[in-house]
Amino acid sequence: MSPKPLPGFRDFYPDALAERAHIFDSWRRVVRRYAFQEYDGPPLEPLELYTQKSGDEIVGQLYNFTDKGDRAVALRPEMTPTFARMVAAKAQALRKPVRWFSIPQLFRYERTQKGRLREHYQLNVDLVGETDVLADAELLSVAIDIMRELGLTSQDVRARVSDRRLLNGLLAHHAIPEAAWPAVYAVLDKLERQPREVSADALAAAGLDGATQETVLGFGALDLAALQARYGTSASAGEAVARFAAYVAHLEALGVGAWVKVDLTIVRGLAYYTGIVFELFDNVGEFRAICGGGRYDNLLGALGGVDLPALGFGMGDVVLGELLRARGLMPAATPSVGVWIAQAPDTPDAPQALLQTATALRASGATVEYALRPQKLDKQLEAGRKAGAGAFVIVDPAHTDSPWRLRRTGHDDQSFTTLPSLVAAVTAARESDR
């Protein structure tokens, strides 16, 4: 048997699982504040659910096989197709807008590299049934509030926002033929990652003259003020500029404006996006995108046969975890043992009093451990210290006037005549230590 997990997969030892739980708990706290409800779906789906959305070429990136019922199936590489199927199945009965989120484990067979594994967990947040840009602003506010919840600030993370409708309007304004739009989008998507002359050559190959090439290459420097000044009255782009300005104003009112940067090079590689799109990056540029999403008004119709506007984002645990560790924001794992119970020497072999004490403390909510075989008292206490216990209870039934002693660092020892009084004291100590 191989001593290691498969390439691109992870073992979650307790410390690593505690980090994952910290991220998951933060995700759930924030999205629930925005009134999103959690859902889930099967990790194994029909292969055609993914080829229908992304084409047969996606098969090379999947863990797919033929099952015992001779069905072509795949481990889910993303959640959107499952989400679309589930919404479509109950579209008429669902209250609109639909606000759902999930935290699925996803699988993709691709080259493992920094920030990208062959499995990861991803927060998916989707909103269905609303066309107004306030929904777009609400969605980005969720993503940014998660950053705040995890201790990150606008100095650490920036949300870069764009709008495909706006870009289309700008391309039409400059009389760029629609046949060339995909090539222009591809150039904008790579503008920061490739030399300017390479981008210019690609635009020239798409049929753009020199002046239009320079205009497109300058899109990345346009902020909202420049867009309004240059294109606010444009017949092809003016309406999209006004809509985008309203979106930015909503973000300011939601208190996240300081996190946001207008950046028309954010186009999102997936062709199904139809409107506002965004990605979150660390400001240092050390990591891959933390999060990405946008509006996909036609996808539910294509996948589920239901014509409903929709928008959503995905945020993976891998890059986010790397960023939190790099910024010193991943909390240290806390000891799992709150109270260690030790049995005094020269007590009967049958530890009824110890077990009754453990049961009562556990029922009160305390995390309790004790030695599972007879040991000397000092060895029991040493085991409790190694376990990280914050309190020690020594049980000594022979002392009928005070069978229980509570010992805490920095406090005087306390003696108790009844088990309820001990439980009350331990509960009060736990509350004061929080």
Protein backbone atom coordinates (compact mmCIF):
# COMPACT_ATOMS: atom_id res chain seq x y z
CA MET A 1 0.00 0.00 0.00
CA SER A 2 1.29 3.48 -0.88
CA PRO A 3 2.23 5.51 2.23
CA LYS A 4 1.06 8.75 0.63
CA PRO A 5 -2.24 10.08 -0.76
CA LEU A 6 -2.68 10.31 -4.51
CA PRO A 7 -1.00 13.32 -6.20
CA GLY A 8 -3.12 16.44 -5.74
CA PHE A 9 -5.10 15.00 -2.82
CA ARG A 10 -4.77 15.84 0.87
CA ASP A 11 -4.81 14.11 4.22
CA PHE A 12 -6.42 16.29 6.87
CA TYR A 13 -4.71 15.65 10.19
CA PRO A 14 -6.44 17.30 13.17
CA ASP A 15 -4.52 20.60 12.88
CA ALA A 16 -5.23 20.82 9.13
CA LEU A 17 -8.85 19.89 9.67
CA ALA A 18 -9.14 22.63 12.31
CA GLU A 19 -7.90 25.14 9.71
CA ARG A 20 -10.42 23.87 7.19
CA ALA A 21 -13.18 24.09 9.79
CA HIS A 22 -12.16 27.69 10.53
CA ILE A 23 -12.61 28.60 6.86
CA PHE A 24 -15.89 26.68 6.56
CA ASP A 25 -17.30 28.24 9.74
CA SER A 26 -16.42 31.73 8.50
CA TRP A 27 -18.05 31.02 5.14
CA ARG A 28 -21.25 29.82 6.76
CA ARG A 29 -21.49 32.68 9.26
CA VAL A 30 -21.23 35.34 6.57
CA VAL A 31 -23.46 33.87 3.87
CA ARG A 32 -26.17 33.11 6.41
CA ARG A 33 -26.12 36.76 7.47
CA TYR A 34 -27.09 37.52 3.88
CA ALA A 35 -30.03 35.08 4.12
CA PHE A 36 -28.55 32.37 1.88
CA GLN A 37 -29.63 28.78 2.55
CA GLU A 38 -27.32 25.78 2.33
CA TYR A 39 -27.91 22.91 -0.09
CA ASP A 40 -25.90 19.99 -1.43
CA GLY A 41 -25.99 17.48 -4.26
CA PRO A 42 -24.38 14.16 -5.19
CA PRO A 43 -20.61 14.02 -5.74
CA LEU A 44 -21.18 11.65 -8.69
CA GLU A 45 -23.18 12.91 -11.67
CA PRO A 46 -23.92 11.85 -15.26
CA LEU A 47 -21.00 12.78 -17.49
CA GLU A 48 -23.31 14.57 -19.92
CA LEU A 49 -24.17 17.13 -17.24
CA TYR A 50 -20.66 18.54 -17.70
CA THR A 51 -20.15 17.96 -21.42
CA GLN A 52 -23.47 19.72 -22.07
CA LYS A 53 -22.06 22.85 -20.41
CA SER A 54 -18.39 22.73 -21.38
CA GLY A 55 -18.15 20.43 -24.40
CA ASP A 56 -16.46 17.07 -24.83
CA GLU A 57 -13.02 18.62 -24.30
CA ILE A 58 -13.68 18.83 -20.54
CA VAL A 59 -13.58 15.01 -20.28
CA GLY A 60 -9.78 15.10 -20.18
CA GLN A 61 -9.99 17.13 -16.96
CA LEU A 62 -12.45 14.84 -15.17
CA TYR A 63 -12.40 11.73 -13.03
CA ASN A 64 -14.89 9.83 -15.16
CA PHE A 65 -15.73 6.19 -15.72
CA THR A 66 -18.55 3.83 -16.67
CA ASP A 67 -20.37 2.53 -13.60
CA LYS A 68 -21.81 -0.96 -13.04
CA GLY A 69 -25.08 0.15 -14.60
CA ASP A 70 -23.17 1.00 -17.81
CA ARG A 71 -23.72 4.74 -17.19
CA ALA A 72 -21.06 7.34 -18.08
CA VAL A 73 -20.46 9.24 -14.83
CA ALA A 74 -17.95 11.70 -13.36
CA LEU A 75 -16.94 13.04 -9.98
CA ARG A 76 -18.20 16.62 -9.91
CA PRO A 77 -15.59 19.16 -11.08
CA GLU A 78 -17.90 22.09 -10.27
CA MET A 79 -21.26 22.72 -8.65
CA THR A 80 -23.03 24.99 -11.15
CA PRO A 81 -24.52 22.20 -13.33
CA THR A 82 -25.89 20.40 -10.26
CA PHE A 83 -27.24 23.71 -8.96
CA ALA A 84 -28.92 24.43 -12.30
CA ARG A 85 -30.52 20.97 -12.36
CA MET A 86 -31.84 21.32 -8.81
CA VAL A 87 -33.24 24.82 -9.33
CA ALA A 88 -34.87 23.81 -12.61
CA ALA A 89 -36.58 20.83 -10.93
CA LYS A 90 -38.45 23.10 -8.49
CA ALA A 91 -38.31 26.46 -10.25
CA GLN A 92 -42.02 27.17 -10.01
CA ALA A 93 -42.21 26.45 -6.28
CA LEU A 94 -39.10 28.32 -5.16
CA ARG A 95 -39.39 31.80 -3.66
CA LYS A 96 -37.52 34.34 -5.78
CA PRO A 97 -34.86 35.42 -5.61
CA VAL A 98 -33.36 32.06 -4.75
CA ARG A 99 -30.42 32.49 -2.36
CA TRP A 100 -28.49 29.24 -2.03
CA PHE A 101 -24.96 28.26 -1.06
CA SER A 102 -22.99 25.03 -0.82
CA ILE A 103 -19.52 23.83 0.18
CA PRO A 104 -18.88 20.82 -2.08
CA GLN A 105 -15.67 18.88 -2.55
CA LEU A 106 -14.72 19.13 -6.23
CA PHE A 107 -12.41 16.98 -8.36
CA ARG A 108 -10.42 17.78 -11.50
CA TYR A 109 -7.69 15.74 -13.13
CA GLU A 110 -5.19 18.46 -14.01
CA ARG A 111 -1.58 19.37 -13.34
CA THR A 112 -0.95 20.04 -9.66
CA GLN A 113 0.66 23.40 -8.92
CA LYS A 114 0.68 26.13 -6.29
CA GLY A 115 -2.89 26.96 -5.35
CA ARG A 116 -4.36 24.21 -7.53
CA LEU A 117 -4.87 20.60 -6.51
CA ARG A 118 -6.89 17.73 -7.95
CA GLU A 119 -9.46 18.08 -5.20
CA HIS A 120 -10.57 21.08 -3.19
CA TYR A 121 -13.53 22.42 -1.30
CA GLN A 122 -15.30 25.45 -2.70
CA LEU A 123 -17.89 27.83 -1.38
CA ASN A 124 -20.54 28.37 -4.06
CA VAL A 125 -22.93 31.28 -3.56
CA ASP A 126 -25.68 31.79 -6.14
CA LEU A 127 -28.64 34.13 -6.50
CA VAL A 128 -31.39 33.38 -9.02
CA GLY A 129 -34.33 35.42 -10.27
CA GLU A 130 -33.12 39.03 -10.14
CA THR A 131 -31.78 41.22 -12.97
CA ASP A 132 -31.08 44.45 -11.08
CA VAL A 133 -27.43 45.38 -10.43
CA LEU A 134 -28.21 45.59 -6.72
CA ALA A 135 -28.13 41.78 -6.77
CA ASP A 136 -24.64 41.95 -8.32
CA ALA A 137 -23.52 44.35 -5.61
CA GLU A 138 -25.02 42.16 -2.89
CA LEU A 139 -23.13 39.14 -4.23
CA LEU A 140 -19.75 40.89 -4.22
CA SER A 141 -20.46 42.25 -0.75
CA VAL A 142 -20.80 38.66 0.48
CA ALA A 143 -17.38 37.75 -0.89
CA ILE A 144 -15.73 40.82 0.62
CA ASP A 145 -17.42 40.34 3.99
CA ILE A 146 -15.88 36.85 4.09
CA MET A 147 -12.45 38.46 3.73
CA ARG A 148 -13.26 40.73 6.68
CA GLU A 149 -14.53 37.80 8.74
CA LEU A 150 -11.19 36.06 8.23
CA GLY A 151 -9.21 39.11 9.37
CA LEU A 152 -8.14 40.40 5.94
CA THR A 153 -8.45 44.08 5.01
CA SER A 154 -8.65 46.15 1.85
CA GLN A 155 -4.86 46.46 2.12
CA ASP A 156 -4.62 42.69 1.74
CA VAL A 157 -7.27 41.95 -0.90
CA ARG A 158 -8.74 43.80 -3.86
CA ALA A 159 -11.91 42.99 -5.80
CA ARG A 160 -11.42 43.71 -9.49
CA VAL A 161 -14.72 44.25 -11.30
CA SER A 162 -15.81 44.52 -14.91
CA ASP A 163 -18.93 44.03 -17.04
CA ARG A 164 -19.17 42.04 -20.24
CA ARG A 165 -22.09 44.15 -21.46
CA LEU A 166 -19.94 47.24 -20.98
CA LEU A 167 -17.02 45.69 -22.83
CA ASN A 168 -19.31 44.68 -25.68
CA GLY A 169 -20.59 48.24 -25.83
CA LEU A 170 -17.05 49.62 -25.99
CA LEU A 171 -16.09 47.21 -28.77
CA ALA A 172 -19.21 48.18 -30.71
CA HIS A 173 -18.47 51.88 -30.11
CA HIS A 174 -15.06 51.42 -31.72
CA ALA A 175 -16.60 49.52 -34.65
CA ILE A 176 -14.79 46.28 -33.87
CA PRO A 177 -16.61 43.46 -35.71
CA GLU A 178 -18.35 40.92 -33.45
CA ALA A 179 -16.36 38.15 -35.11
CA ALA A 180 -13.22 39.65 -33.52
CA TRP A 181 -14.69 40.00 -30.00
CA PRO A 182 -13.53 36.58 -28.73
CA ALA A 183 -9.97 37.39 -29.77
CA VAL A 184 -10.15 40.78 -28.02
CA TYR A 185 -11.50 39.14 -24.88
CA ALA A 186 -8.61 36.66 -24.94
CA VAL A 187 -6.10 39.51 -25.21
CA LEU A 188 -7.69 41.45 -22.34
CA ASP A 189 -7.69 38.33 -20.18
CA LYS A 190 -3.92 37.93 -20.68
CA LEU A 191 -2.99 41.62 -20.76
CA GLU A 192 -1.09 41.55 -17.45
CA ARG A 193 0.58 38.21 -18.14
CA GLN A 194 2.07 38.71 -21.59
CA PRO A 195 4.26 41.36 -23.26
CA ARG A 196 2.43 44.31 -24.81
CA GLU A 197 3.79 43.52 -28.28
CA VAL A 198 2.36 39.99 -28.09
CA SER A 199 -1.07 41.42 -27.24
CA ALA A 200 -0.77 43.94 -30.10
CA ASP A 201 0.14 41.19 -32.55
CA ALA A 202 -2.89 39.15 -31.46
CA LEU A 203 -5.17 42.17 -31.98
CA ALA A 204 -3.63 42.81 -35.39
CA ALA A 205 -4.25 39.19 -36.32
CA ALA A 206 -7.90 39.74 -35.35
CA GLY A 207 -8.07 42.61 -37.88
CA LEU A 208 -7.72 45.66 -35.61
CA ASP A 209 -5.79 48.63 -37.00
CA GLY A 210 -3.03 50.33 -35.03
CA ALA A 211 -5.16 53.05 -33.44
CA THR A 212 -7.84 50.60 -32.34
CA GLN A 213 -5.17 48.30 -30.94
CA GLU A 214 -3.88 51.13 -28.74
CA THR A 215 -7.40 51.92 -27.57
CA VAL A 216 -8.06 48.30 -26.56
CA LEU A 217 -4.67 48.00 -24.87
CA GLY A 218 -5.61 51.05 -22.82
CA PHE A 219 -8.87 49.55 -21.51
CA GLY A 220 -7.08 48.26 -18.42
CA ALA A 221 -6.26 51.80 -17.29
CA LEU A 222 -9.86 53.08 -17.46
CA ASP A 223 -11.58 53.85 -14.18
CA LEU A 224 -15.25 54.71 -13.73
CA ALA A 225 -14.69 58.45 -14.15
CA ALA A 226 -12.86 57.89 -17.44
CA LEU A 227 -15.58 55.54 -18.67
CA GLN A 228 -18.28 58.10 -17.89
CA ALA A 229 -16.34 60.93 -19.52
CA ARG A 230 -15.48 59.05 -22.70
CA TYR A 231 -18.46 56.77 -23.20
CA GLY A 232 -21.27 58.10 -21.03
CA THR A 233 -23.20 59.43 -24.03
CA SER A 234 -22.24 56.66 -26.45
CA ALA A 235 -25.18 55.09 -28.25
CA SER A 236 -23.68 51.61 -27.88
CA ALA A 237 -22.01 51.89 -24.46
CA GLY A 238 -23.81 54.69 -22.56
CA GLU A 239 -26.50 52.49 -21.00
CA ALA A 240 -23.91 49.95 -19.82
CA VAL A 241 -21.77 52.74 -18.33
CA ALA A 242 -24.77 54.07 -16.38
CA ARG A 243 -25.63 50.57 -15.12
CA PHE A 244 -22.04 49.98 -14.06
CA ALA A 245 -21.95 53.34 -12.24
CA ALA A 246 -25.07 52.32 -10.31
CA TYR A 247 -23.37 49.06 -9.38
CA VAL A 248 -20.32 50.89 -8.02
CA ALA A 249 -22.57 53.27 -6.07
CA HIS A 250 -24.34 50.29 -4.47
CA LEU A 251 -20.96 48.85 -3.43
CA GLU A 252 -20.07 52.15 -1.77
CA ALA A 253 -23.37 52.16 0.12
CA LEU A 254 -22.75 48.56 1.23
CA GLY A 255 -19.46 49.69 2.75
CA VAL A 256 -17.13 47.75 0.47
CA GLY A 257 -16.11 50.49 -1.97
CA ALA A 258 -12.56 50.65 -0.59
CA TRP A 259 -12.03 47.03 -1.64
CA VAL A 260 -13.12 47.55 -5.26
CA LYS A 261 -11.14 48.43 -8.39
CA VAL A 262 -12.67 48.84 -11.84
CA ASP A 263 -10.61 46.65 -14.16
CA LEU A 264 -11.85 45.88 -17.66
CA THR A 265 -9.20 43.17 -18.11
CA ILE A 266 -11.32 40.93 -15.85
CA VAL A 267 -13.38 39.02 -18.38
CA ARG A 268 -13.52 35.53 -16.75
CA GLY A 269 -12.54 32.80 -19.14
CA LEU A 270 -15.89 31.02 -19.11
CA ALA A 271 -18.05 32.02 -22.04
CA TYR A 272 -21.36 31.74 -20.18
CA TYR A 273 -20.90 35.00 -18.23
CA THR A 274 -23.24 37.69 -19.53
CA GLY A 275 -22.82 40.76 -17.30
CA ILE A 276 -20.86 42.00 -14.31
CA VAL A 277 -17.90 39.79 -13.41
CA PHE A 278 -15.32 40.00 -10.64
CA GLU A 279 -12.27 38.34 -9.14
CA LEU A 280 -10.60 38.78 -5.75
CA PHE A 281 -6.80 38.90 -5.58
CA ASP A 282 -4.25 39.49 -2.86
CA ASN A 283 -2.69 42.92 -3.30
CA VAL A 284 0.85 41.54 -3.34
CA GLY A 285 0.09 39.35 -6.35
CA GLU A 286 1.55 36.32 -4.60
CA PHE A 287 -1.36 33.95 -5.19
CA ARG A 288 -3.93 32.90 -7.75
CA ALA A 289 -7.38 34.46 -7.67
CA ILE A 290 -9.04 33.90 -4.31
CA CYS A 291 -12.54 34.04 -5.72
CA GLY A 292 -14.31 34.64 -9.01
CA GLY A 293 -17.80 34.93 -10.35
CA GLY A 294 -20.42 37.06 -12.00
CA ARG A 295 -23.73 37.09 -13.82
CA TYR A 296 -24.73 34.17 -16.05
CA ASP A 297 -28.29 34.95 -17.13
CA ASN A 298 -28.52 32.31 -19.87
CA LEU A 299 -26.91 29.30 -18.20
CA LEU A 300 -29.93 27.97 -16.29
CA GLY A 301 -31.88 27.94 -19.51
CA ALA A 302 -29.12 26.06 -21.32
CA LEU A 303 -28.56 23.49 -18.55
CA GLY A 304 -31.92 23.20 -16.85
CA GLY A 305 -34.41 24.52 -19.39
CA VAL A 306 -35.55 27.31 -17.04
CA ASP A 307 -35.23 30.91 -18.21
CA LEU A 308 -34.14 32.67 -15.03
CA PRO A 309 -31.44 35.31 -14.53
CA ALA A 310 -28.68 34.19 -12.21
CA LEU A 311 -25.34 35.16 -10.74
CA GLY A 312 -22.86 33.52 -8.41
CA PHE A 313 -19.28 33.01 -7.33
CA GLY A 314 -16.93 30.27 -6.22
CA MET A 315 -14.24 30.58 -3.52
CA GLY A 316 -11.85 27.67 -2.99
CA ASP A 317 -10.22 26.65 0.26
CA VAL A 318 -6.70 26.06 -1.14
CA VAL A 319 -5.65 29.59 -2.16
CA LEU A 320 -7.57 31.13 0.71
CA GLY A 321 -5.81 28.87 3.21
CA GLU A 322 -2.41 29.73 1.71
CA LEU A 323 -3.17 33.44 1.97
CA LEU A 324 -4.33 33.23 5.59
CA ARG A 325 -1.23 31.30 6.61
CA ALA A 326 1.04 33.75 4.77
CA ARG A 327 -0.57 36.70 6.57
CA GLY A 328 -0.47 35.00 9.98
CA LEU A 329 -4.27 34.90 10.17
CA MET A 330 -4.84 31.19 10.52
CA PRO A 331 -5.62 30.60 14.20
CA ALA A 332 -3.54 28.07 16.08
CA ALA A 333 -5.27 24.82 16.82
CA THR A 334 -6.81 24.88 20.30
CA PRO A 335 -6.37 21.94 22.68
CA SER A 336 -9.20 19.48 22.37
CA VAL A 337 -9.19 18.73 26.11
CA GLY A 338 -10.80 21.24 28.44
CA VAL A 339 -10.84 19.21 31.65
CA TRP A 340 -8.63 16.32 32.69
CA ILE A 341 -9.95 14.10 35.44
CA ALA A 342 -7.46 12.27 37.64
CA GLN A 343 -8.15 9.66 40.28
CA ALA A 344 -6.39 10.05 43.62
CA PRO A 345 -4.13 7.21 44.81
CA ASP A 346 -5.37 4.49 47.08
CA THR A 347 -8.91 4.64 45.69
CA PRO A 348 -10.86 1.51 44.67
CA ASP A 349 -9.88 -0.05 41.34
CA ALA A 350 -13.37 0.43 39.95
CA PRO A 351 -13.42 4.15 38.99
CA GLN A 352 -17.16 4.75 39.43
CA ALA A 353 -16.70 8.22 40.94
CA LEU A 354 -14.33 9.29 38.15
CA LEU A 355 -16.69 8.05 35.44
CA GLN A 356 -19.71 9.70 37.05
CA THR A 357 -17.75 12.96 37.23
CA ALA A 358 -16.76 12.72 33.56
CA THR A 359 -20.36 12.04 32.54
CA ALA A 360 -21.70 15.02 34.48
CA LEU A 361 -19.07 17.40 33.09
CA ARG A 362 -19.58 16.19 29.51
CA ALA A 363 -23.32 16.69 29.90
CA SER A 364 -22.59 20.32 30.85
CA GLY A 365 -20.68 20.82 27.60
CA ALA A 366 -17.11 20.36 28.82
CA THR A 367 -14.53 18.41 26.81
CA VAL A 368 -13.23 15.74 29.16
CA GLU A 369 -10.49 13.13 29.08
CA TYR A 370 -8.94 10.79 31.67
CA ALA A 371 -6.51 7.88 31.78
CA LEU A 372 -8.05 4.66 30.54
CA ARG A 373 -6.11 2.45 32.94
CA PRO A 374 -4.87 2.86 36.53
CA GLN A 375 -1.86 5.18 36.85
CA LYS A 376 -0.06 7.11 39.53
CA LEU A 377 -1.49 10.58 40.15
CA ASP A 378 1.55 12.48 38.90
CA LYS A 379 1.53 10.43 35.68
CA GLN A 380 -2.18 11.20 35.17
CA LEU A 381 -1.59 14.92 35.65
CA GLU A 382 1.40 14.89 33.31
CA ALA A 383 -0.74 13.22 30.63
CA GLY A 384 -3.34 15.97 31.10
CA ARG A 385 -0.74 18.70 30.68
CA LYS A 386 0.52 17.08 27.46
CA ALA A 387 -3.08 16.98 26.21
CA GLY A 388 -3.34 20.75 26.77
CA ALA A 389 -6.00 20.56 29.47
CA GLY A 390 -7.00 23.91 30.91
CA ALA A 391 -8.35 22.48 34.17
CA PHE A 392 -7.80 19.40 36.32
CA VAL A 393 -10.30 17.65 38.56
CA ILE A 394 -8.90 15.24 41.14
CA VAL A 395 -11.45 12.72 42.37
CA ASP A 396 -10.88 11.27 45.85
CA PRO A 397 -13.95 9.49 47.26
CA ALA A 398 -12.05 8.74 50.48
CA HIS A 399 -12.33 12.43 51.41
CA THR A 400 -16.05 12.42 52.10
CA ASP A 401 -16.05 16.08 53.14
CA SER A 402 -14.55 17.19 49.76
CA PRO A 403 -14.34 14.37 47.19
CA TRP A 404 -13.49 16.75 44.31
CA ARG A 405 -10.67 19.24 43.85
CA LEU A 406 -10.49 21.67 40.91
CA ARG A 407 -7.02 22.87 39.87
CA ARG A 408 -6.47 25.66 37.33
CA THR A 409 -3.27 27.49 36.44
CA GLY A 410 -3.14 30.88 38.12
CA HIS A 411 -5.95 30.06 40.54
CA ASP A 412 -6.12 28.58 44.01
CA ASP A 413 -7.31 25.00 44.25
CA GLN A 414 -11.02 24.63 45.05
CA SER A 415 -12.70 21.77 46.92
CA PHE A 416 -16.30 20.63 46.42
CA THR A 417 -18.64 18.50 48.48
CA THR A 418 -21.18 17.81 45.70
CA LEU A 419 -20.89 16.98 42.03
CA PRO A 420 -23.38 19.71 40.94
CA SER A 421 -21.29 22.37 42.67
CA LEU A 422 -18.17 21.14 40.84
CA VAL A 423 -20.01 21.19 37.49
CA ALA A 424 -21.22 24.74 38.18
CA ALA A 425 -17.68 25.90 38.95
CA VAL A 426 -16.22 24.29 35.82
CA THR A 427 -18.98 25.84 33.70
CA ALA A 428 -18.29 29.28 35.17
CA ALA A 429 -14.55 28.85 34.52
CA ARG A 430 -15.21 27.92 30.89
CA GLU A 431 -17.36 31.00 30.40
CA SER A 432 -14.76 33.32 31.94
CA ASP A 433 -12.00 31.87 29.73
CA ARG A 434 -13.89 32.51 26.49
